[in-house]
Protein backbone atom coordinates (compact mmCIF):
# COMPACT_ATOMS: atom_id res chain seq x y z
CA MET A 1 221.55 141.83 55.58
CA ALA A 2 224.02 142.61 52.81
CA ARG A 3 223.36 145.13 50.06
CA TYR A 4 225.50 143.96 47.19
CA ALA A 5 227.17 146.16 44.92
CA MET A 6 229.92 145.92 42.20
CA VAL A 7 232.63 148.82 41.18
CA ILE A 8 234.50 149.01 37.67
CA ASP A 9 237.71 150.99 37.14
CA LEU A 10 237.44 152.04 33.54
CA GLU A 11 241.16 152.93 33.92
CA ALA A 12 242.28 149.30 34.70
CA CYS A 13 239.92 147.66 32.02
CA VAL A 14 241.83 146.56 29.12
CA GLY A 15 238.67 145.13 27.31
CA CYS A 16 239.96 141.43 27.37
CA ALA A 17 236.77 140.19 27.86
CA ALA A 18 237.66 137.65 30.35
CA CYS A 19 234.79 138.79 32.51
CA ALA A 20 232.29 137.89 29.58
CA ALA A 21 234.00 134.58 28.97
CA ALA A 22 233.84 133.72 32.29
CA CYS A 23 229.95 134.48 32.73
CA VAL A 24 229.21 132.40 29.82
CA LEU A 25 230.85 129.52 31.10
CA GLU A 26 229.66 129.97 35.01
CA ASN A 27 226.21 130.48 33.91
CA GLU A 28 225.80 128.38 30.90
CA VAL A 29 224.60 131.32 28.99
CA PRO A 30 222.98 130.14 25.87
CA PRO A 31 224.81 130.70 22.52
CA GLY A 32 223.80 134.05 20.80
CA HIS A 33 223.32 135.75 24.26
CA GLN A 34 225.15 137.44 26.87
CA ARG A 35 224.71 138.66 30.45
CA LEU A 36 227.64 141.04 30.37
CA TRP A 37 229.29 142.90 27.33
CA ILE A 38 232.06 145.39 26.79
CA ARG A 39 231.36 148.63 25.12
CA GLU A 40 234.08 150.49 23.15
CA ARG A 41 234.34 154.04 23.23
CA GLU A 42 236.54 156.48 21.54
CA LEU A 43 237.35 159.52 23.51
CA GLY A 44 238.63 162.96 22.61
CA ARG A 45 239.42 164.32 19.02
CA PHE A 46 242.12 163.48 16.53
CA PRO A 47 244.99 163.33 17.22
CA GLU A 48 244.66 163.01 20.95
CA LEU A 49 242.15 159.99 20.94
CA THR A 50 241.90 157.08 23.42
CA VAL A 51 239.65 154.17 23.65
CA GLU A 52 237.65 153.42 26.73
CA PHE A 53 236.49 149.66 27.32
CA ARG A 54 232.90 149.68 29.58
CA PRO A 55 231.73 146.45 30.78
CA GLU A 56 228.12 146.88 30.66
CA GLN A 57 225.09 144.07 32.29
CA CYS A 58 222.34 144.45 34.67
CA GLN A 59 222.75 147.36 37.29
CA HIS A 60 220.94 145.62 40.39
CA CYS A 61 219.42 148.53 40.89
CA GLU A 62 217.91 150.11 44.18
CA HIS A 63 214.78 151.00 42.61
CA PRO A 64 214.65 148.39 39.30
CA ALA A 65 211.99 149.30 36.65
CA CYS A 66 211.98 145.69 35.71
CA VAL A 67 210.62 144.51 38.80
CA ALA A 68 207.80 146.80 39.27
CA VAL A 69 206.39 146.09 35.62
CA CYS A 70 206.59 142.31 36.34
CA PRO A 71 202.92 140.95 36.45
CA THR A 72 204.08 137.39 38.17
CA GLY A 73 206.71 138.53 40.66
CA ALA A 74 209.01 136.43 38.52
CA SER A 75 211.28 139.46 38.68
CA TYR A 76 212.33 140.44 42.17
CA LYS A 77 214.71 142.05 44.33
CA SER A 78 216.18 139.69 47.18
CA GLU A 79 217.06 140.85 50.85
CA ASP A 80 220.52 141.28 49.85
CA GLY A 81 219.78 143.91 46.96
CA LEU A 82 220.34 141.30 44.00
CA VAL A 83 217.69 141.86 41.25
CA LEU A 84 216.86 138.43 39.98
CA VAL A 85 214.38 136.32 38.27
CA ARG A 86 212.58 133.26 39.01
CA PRO A 87 212.13 131.28 35.70
CA GLU A 88 209.37 129.12 37.05
CA ARG A 89 207.22 132.08 37.42
CA CYS A 90 208.06 133.86 34.30
CA ILE A 91 205.50 134.06 31.75
CA ALA A 92 207.90 135.25 29.07
CA CYS A 93 205.79 138.50 28.76
CA GLY A 94 208.75 140.57 27.89
CA ALA A 95 207.59 143.61 30.12
CA CYS A 96 210.82 143.73 32.07
CA ILE A 97 212.88 143.59 28.91
CA ALA A 98 211.09 146.59 27.62
CA ALA A 99 211.39 148.26 31.03
CA CYS A 100 215.02 147.61 31.70
CA PRO A 101 216.69 151.05 30.80
CA TYR A 102 220.20 149.45 30.40
CA ASP A 103 219.04 146.53 28.04
CA ALA A 104 220.56 144.07 30.29
CA ARG A 105 217.74 141.31 29.94
CA PHE A 106 217.15 138.77 26.99
CA MET A 107 214.83 135.85 26.22
CA ASN A 108 216.27 132.38 27.14
CA PRO A 109 215.61 130.01 24.62
CA ALA A 110 214.33 127.80 27.49
CA GLY A 111 211.23 130.23 27.65
CA TYR A 112 212.15 132.57 30.53
CA VAL A 113 213.97 136.28 30.85
CA ASP A 114 217.70 135.86 31.67
CA LYS A 115 220.23 138.37 33.00
CA CYS A 116 223.31 138.86 35.40
CA THR A 117 222.96 137.69 38.72
CA PHE A 118 225.98 138.72 40.51
CA CYS A 119 226.79 135.04 40.32
CA ALA A 120 224.33 134.77 43.23
CA HIS A 121 224.86 131.25 43.57
CA ARG A 122 228.39 132.01 44.23
CA VAL A 123 227.91 134.81 46.41
CA ARG A 124 225.65 132.85 48.67
CA GLU A 125 228.89 130.15 48.88
CA GLY A 126 231.04 133.22 50.21
CA ARG A 127 232.61 133.26 46.68
CA GLU A 128 233.06 136.48 44.10
CA PRO A 129 231.03 136.47 40.95
CA ALA A 130 232.61 134.83 37.87
CA CYS A 131 233.74 138.12 36.40
CA VAL A 132 235.59 139.43 39.45
CA GLU A 133 237.41 136.33 40.17
CA THR A 134 238.62 136.11 36.44
CA CYS A 135 239.37 139.80 35.76
CA PRO A 136 243.27 139.60 34.95
CA THR A 137 243.58 143.29 35.80
CA GLY A 138 241.48 143.65 39.08
CA CYS A 139 239.52 146.24 37.91
CA ARG A 140 236.06 144.80 39.34
CA VAL A 141 235.59 144.83 42.90
CA PHE A 142 232.29 143.13 44.59
CA GLY A 143 231.24 143.80 48.08
CA ASP A 144 228.97 144.90 50.50
CA LEU A 145 227.84 148.71 50.57
CA ASP A 146 226.67 148.34 54.22
CA ASP A 147 229.91 146.69 55.26
CA PRO A 148 232.90 149.48 56.06
CA GLU A 149 235.43 146.76 55.95
CA SER A 150 234.16 145.48 52.39
CA PRO A 151 236.70 145.81 49.58
CA ILE A 152 234.15 147.72 47.22
CA HIS A 153 234.62 150.80 50.11
CA ALA A 154 238.28 150.96 49.66
CA ALA A 155 237.76 151.05 46.20
CA LEU A 156 235.27 153.84 46.11
CA GLU A 157 237.24 155.87 48.48
CA ARG A 158 240.37 155.75 46.37
CA ALA A 159 238.49 156.32 43.00
CA ARG A 160 239.04 160.07 41.62
CA ARG A 161 235.68 159.90 39.88
CA VAL A 162 232.25 157.57 40.64
CA ASP A 163 229.57 157.66 37.82
CA VAL A 164 226.56 155.28 37.32
CA LEU A 165 224.94 154.92 33.95
CA LYS A 166 221.71 156.66 32.81
CA PRO A 167 221.31 158.39 36.67
CA GLU A 168 218.34 160.05 35.27
CA GLN A 169 216.27 156.98 35.04
CA GLY A 170 216.01 157.11 38.85
CA THR A 171 217.00 153.50 39.24
CA ALA A 172 219.90 154.15 41.49
CA PRO A 173 222.08 151.42 39.71
CA LYS A 174 224.39 149.53 42.04
CA LEU A 175 227.16 149.02 39.50
CA PHE A 176 229.33 151.88 39.87
CA TYR A 177 232.20 152.91 37.24
CA LEU A 178 235.31 154.29 38.70
CA ASN A 179 237.79 157.03 37.00
CA THR A 180 235.45 157.45 33.94
CA PRO A 181 236.88 160.28 31.77
CA ALA A 182 235.11 163.22 31.21
CA ARG A 183 232.38 162.91 28.40
CA THR A 184 233.54 165.66 26.18
CA GLY A 185 233.93 164.37 22.72
CA LEU A 186 232.44 160.92 23.75
CA ARG A 187 231.38 159.14 20.82
CA ASP A 188 230.29 155.39 21.01
CA THR A 189 231.65 153.23 18.24
CA GLY A 190 228.69 151.01 18.57
CA LYS A 191 231.31 148.18 18.79
CA GLU A 192 231.09 145.38 21.40
CA VAL A 193 233.97 143.32 22.53
CA ASP A 194 233.12 139.39 21.91
CA ALA A 195 233.76 136.97 24.61
């Protein structure tokens, strides 16, 4: 069985938000909500400043906090490692939203918790997630961590640096950020790039 993951090369991301737009269209995300977004961060100090664009979304954790707190089993981890939600079992209690350290879940107006699925419906058809397929710079790579021939392995091997968000949470995210700059002087502007 596969163990799916995604890498995003931050040196190649230009913050265009094509991934976010593709996600909205592919998954019919309700207006005012998003399954993925682009965080803009200023790096360095004047006069040597640069901007990092970092896409954020569900991390599809190996040890998902959201699954552990779900009282109905609506939030679950599939055999291939995707963290998913069964809308028909969700009672909209919001426990998983509160438990997610990445703020990656939202309440769908239809009455269930929603989030990125790595486009599980496309993956099952042998296709890439919409965000990966749409990215004009090729900064996103999706694949099977257990398959040494998967393109994700080559991307991880080429990277000078590999990071995950909030490693101290112990969730073991399967969304890896490649070639992240050193965090010295990092300041979050709080800006998000809209799709």
